[in-house]
Amino acid sequence: MTALLFIYGTLLQPGNPFANYLNSNCSYVCAGKIKGLLYDIGEYPGLIINTHAEGFVLGSVVKLHQPAEGLKVIDDYEGVGPEQDQPNLYLRTIQTIITAKGPADAWVYIYNLPVAGLPVIASGNYQEFAAHKTAP
């Protein structure tokens, strides 16, 4: 099982308790990106893998110090697992992330609900989008 996790949304935001958890329980590896589309779900983004997309979803690759424990915590946050509402909000899958250090296989949370009618975050950069979204 890989200890790498690709994060691209609210898990990168300062002040988010689960981002704080990751800061204490993982190590930053490098920036990364994946072919796909990023949707604005409202309070968070949703990634849909699309190898034919023209753009990329941007994020960070981190290495979990204790992968099984860390993934359980983040699964709960992302609404993944049999004890969560069905269908799950996200699915956790291993995907190949493009990095400056070469390709890296990492866990990624893929949005699992319909996206019809949701706005696409064209830049693929949720941090940039969120900063403009909340700016006065």
Protein backbone atom coordinates (compact mmCIF):
# COMPACT_ATOMS: atom_id res chain seq x y z
CA MET A 1 0.00 0.00 0.00
CA THR A 2 1.34 3.39 -0.94
CA ALA A 3 1.85 5.99 1.77
CA LEU A 4 1.49 8.82 -0.75
CA LEU A 5 -1.62 11.00 -0.87
CA PHE A 6 -2.46 13.65 -3.46
CA ILE A 7 -4.38 16.57 -1.94
CA TYR A 8 -5.93 19.34 -4.01
CA GLY A 9 -8.74 21.03 -2.07
CA THR A 10 -9.72 21.92 1.47
CA LEU A 11 -7.00 19.65 2.87
CA LEU A 12 -4.55 22.34 1.74
CA GLN A 13 -6.33 25.18 3.52
CA PRO A 14 -4.81 26.62 6.70
CA GLY A 15 -7.19 26.40 9.62
CA ASN A 16 -8.94 23.28 8.33
CA PRO A 17 -8.66 20.77 11.22
CA PHE A 18 -7.98 17.90 8.83
CA ALA A 19 -5.32 19.91 7.01
CA ASN A 20 -3.79 20.51 10.43
CA TYR A 21 -3.97 16.75 11.08
CA LEU A 22 -2.09 16.09 7.84
CA ASN A 23 0.51 18.74 8.69
CA SER A 24 1.24 16.83 11.90
CA ASN A 25 1.03 13.33 10.44
CA CYS A 26 2.67 13.50 7.04
CA SER A 27 5.58 15.00 5.15
CA TYR A 28 5.34 17.18 2.07
CA VAL A 29 6.89 15.43 -0.94
CA CYS A 30 6.30 17.77 -3.89
CA ALA A 31 3.76 19.61 -6.02
CA GLY A 32 1.77 17.46 -8.40
CA LYS A 33 -0.96 17.47 -10.99
CA ILE A 34 -3.38 15.05 -12.59
CA LYS A 35 -5.41 15.14 -15.82
CA GLY A 36 -8.98 15.89 -14.95
CA LEU A 37 -11.63 18.45 -14.16
CA LEU A 38 -12.18 20.24 -10.88
CA TYR A 39 -15.72 21.25 -9.96
CA ASP A 40 -16.95 23.80 -7.44
CA ILE A 41 -19.28 21.81 -5.19
CA GLY A 42 -19.89 24.82 -2.94
CA GLU A 43 -17.78 24.54 0.20
CA TYR A 44 -15.24 22.20 -1.39
CA PRO A 45 -14.07 20.97 -4.79
CA GLY A 46 -14.66 17.69 -6.56
CA LEU A 47 -12.11 16.06 -8.86
CA ILE A 48 -13.25 13.98 -11.81
CA ILE A 49 -10.47 12.06 -13.56
CA ASN A 50 -10.52 12.72 -17.30
CA THR A 51 -7.48 11.69 -19.30
CA HIS A 52 -8.88 13.64 -22.28
CA ALA A 53 -9.15 16.92 -20.35
CA GLU A 54 -7.02 19.73 -21.68
CA GLY A 55 -6.04 20.89 -18.21
CA PHE A 56 -4.81 19.53 -14.94
CA VAL A 57 -5.92 19.59 -11.34
CA LEU A 58 -3.09 20.97 -9.21
CA GLY A 59 -2.19 19.91 -5.70
CA SER A 60 0.44 18.46 -3.41
CA VAL A 61 1.80 14.98 -2.83
CA VAL A 62 2.33 14.14 0.84
CA LYS A 63 3.64 11.02 2.54
CA LEU A 64 1.58 9.72 5.45
CA HIS A 65 3.66 8.67 8.46
CA GLN A 66 1.09 5.99 9.39
CA PRO A 67 -0.85 5.29 6.18
CA ALA A 68 -3.60 3.02 7.56
CA GLU A 69 -4.43 5.40 10.42
CA GLY A 70 -4.10 8.55 8.30
CA LEU A 71 -6.29 7.23 5.50
CA LYS A 72 -8.98 6.23 8.01
CA VAL A 73 -9.05 9.80 9.39
CA ILE A 74 -9.19 11.35 5.92
CA ASP A 75 -11.76 8.76 4.71
CA ASP A 76 -14.06 9.93 7.51
CA TYR A 77 -13.57 13.57 6.47
CA GLU A 78 -14.15 12.80 2.77
CA GLY A 79 -17.24 10.64 3.36
CA VAL A 80 -15.63 7.38 2.26
CA GLY A 81 -16.50 3.98 3.68
CA PRO A 82 -19.40 1.61 4.36
CA GLU A 83 -20.44 3.53 7.50
CA GLN A 84 -20.79 6.78 5.51
CA ASP A 85 -23.82 7.97 3.54
CA GLN A 86 -24.30 5.93 0.37
CA PRO A 87 -23.30 6.50 -2.29
CA ASN A 88 -20.05 7.81 -0.81
CA LEU A 89 -19.25 11.45 -1.52
CA TYR A 90 -15.78 10.46 -2.78
CA LEU A 91 -13.98 7.30 -3.79
CA ARG A 92 -10.35 6.81 -2.77
CA THR A 93 -8.27 5.31 -5.58
CA ILE A 94 -4.62 5.07 -6.50
CA GLN A 95 -3.79 7.28 -9.47
CA THR A 96 -0.55 8.31 -11.15
CA ILE A 97 0.34 11.90 -10.28
CA ILE A 98 2.63 13.93 -12.53
CA THR A 99 5.43 15.59 -10.55
CA ALA A 100 8.71 17.32 -11.33
CA LYS A 101 10.39 14.26 -9.77
CA GLY A 102 8.59 11.92 -12.20
CA PRO A 103 5.31 10.00 -11.96
CA ALA A 104 4.15 8.95 -8.49
CA ASP A 105 1.34 6.59 -7.56
CA ALA A 106 -0.72 8.15 -4.80
CA TRP A 107 -4.12 7.87 -3.17
CA VAL A 108 -6.58 10.42 -4.57
CA TYR A 109 -10.13 11.25 -3.54
CA ILE A 110 -12.34 11.30 -6.66
CA TYR A 111 -15.77 12.94 -6.49
CA ASN A 112 -18.46 10.26 -6.68
CA LEU A 113 -21.70 12.20 -7.24
CA PRO A 114 -23.15 13.79 -10.40
CA VAL A 115 -21.48 17.01 -11.56
CA ALA A 116 -24.04 18.09 -14.17
CA GLY A 117 -24.70 21.79 -13.76
CA LEU A 118 -21.79 22.39 -11.39
CA PRO A 119 -19.24 25.05 -12.37
CA VAL A 120 -15.82 23.88 -13.49
CA ILE A 121 -12.79 25.47 -11.82
CA ALA A 122 -10.97 26.09 -15.09
CA SER A 123 -7.56 26.75 -13.53
CA GLY A 124 -7.59 23.38 -11.75
CA ASN A 125 -6.19 25.25 -8.74
CA TYR A 126 -8.65 25.19 -5.83
CA GLN A 127 -6.47 27.31 -3.53
CA GLU A 128 -6.37 30.13 -6.08
CA PHE A 129 -10.09 29.74 -6.79
CA ALA A 130 -11.03 29.74 -3.09
CA ALA A 131 -8.96 32.89 -2.45
CA HIS A 132 -10.85 34.76 -5.17
CA LYS A 133 -14.19 33.25 -4.14
CA THR A 134 -13.89 34.64 -0.60
CA ALA A 135 -12.27 37.97 -1.56
CA PRO A 136 -14.50 41.00 -1.01
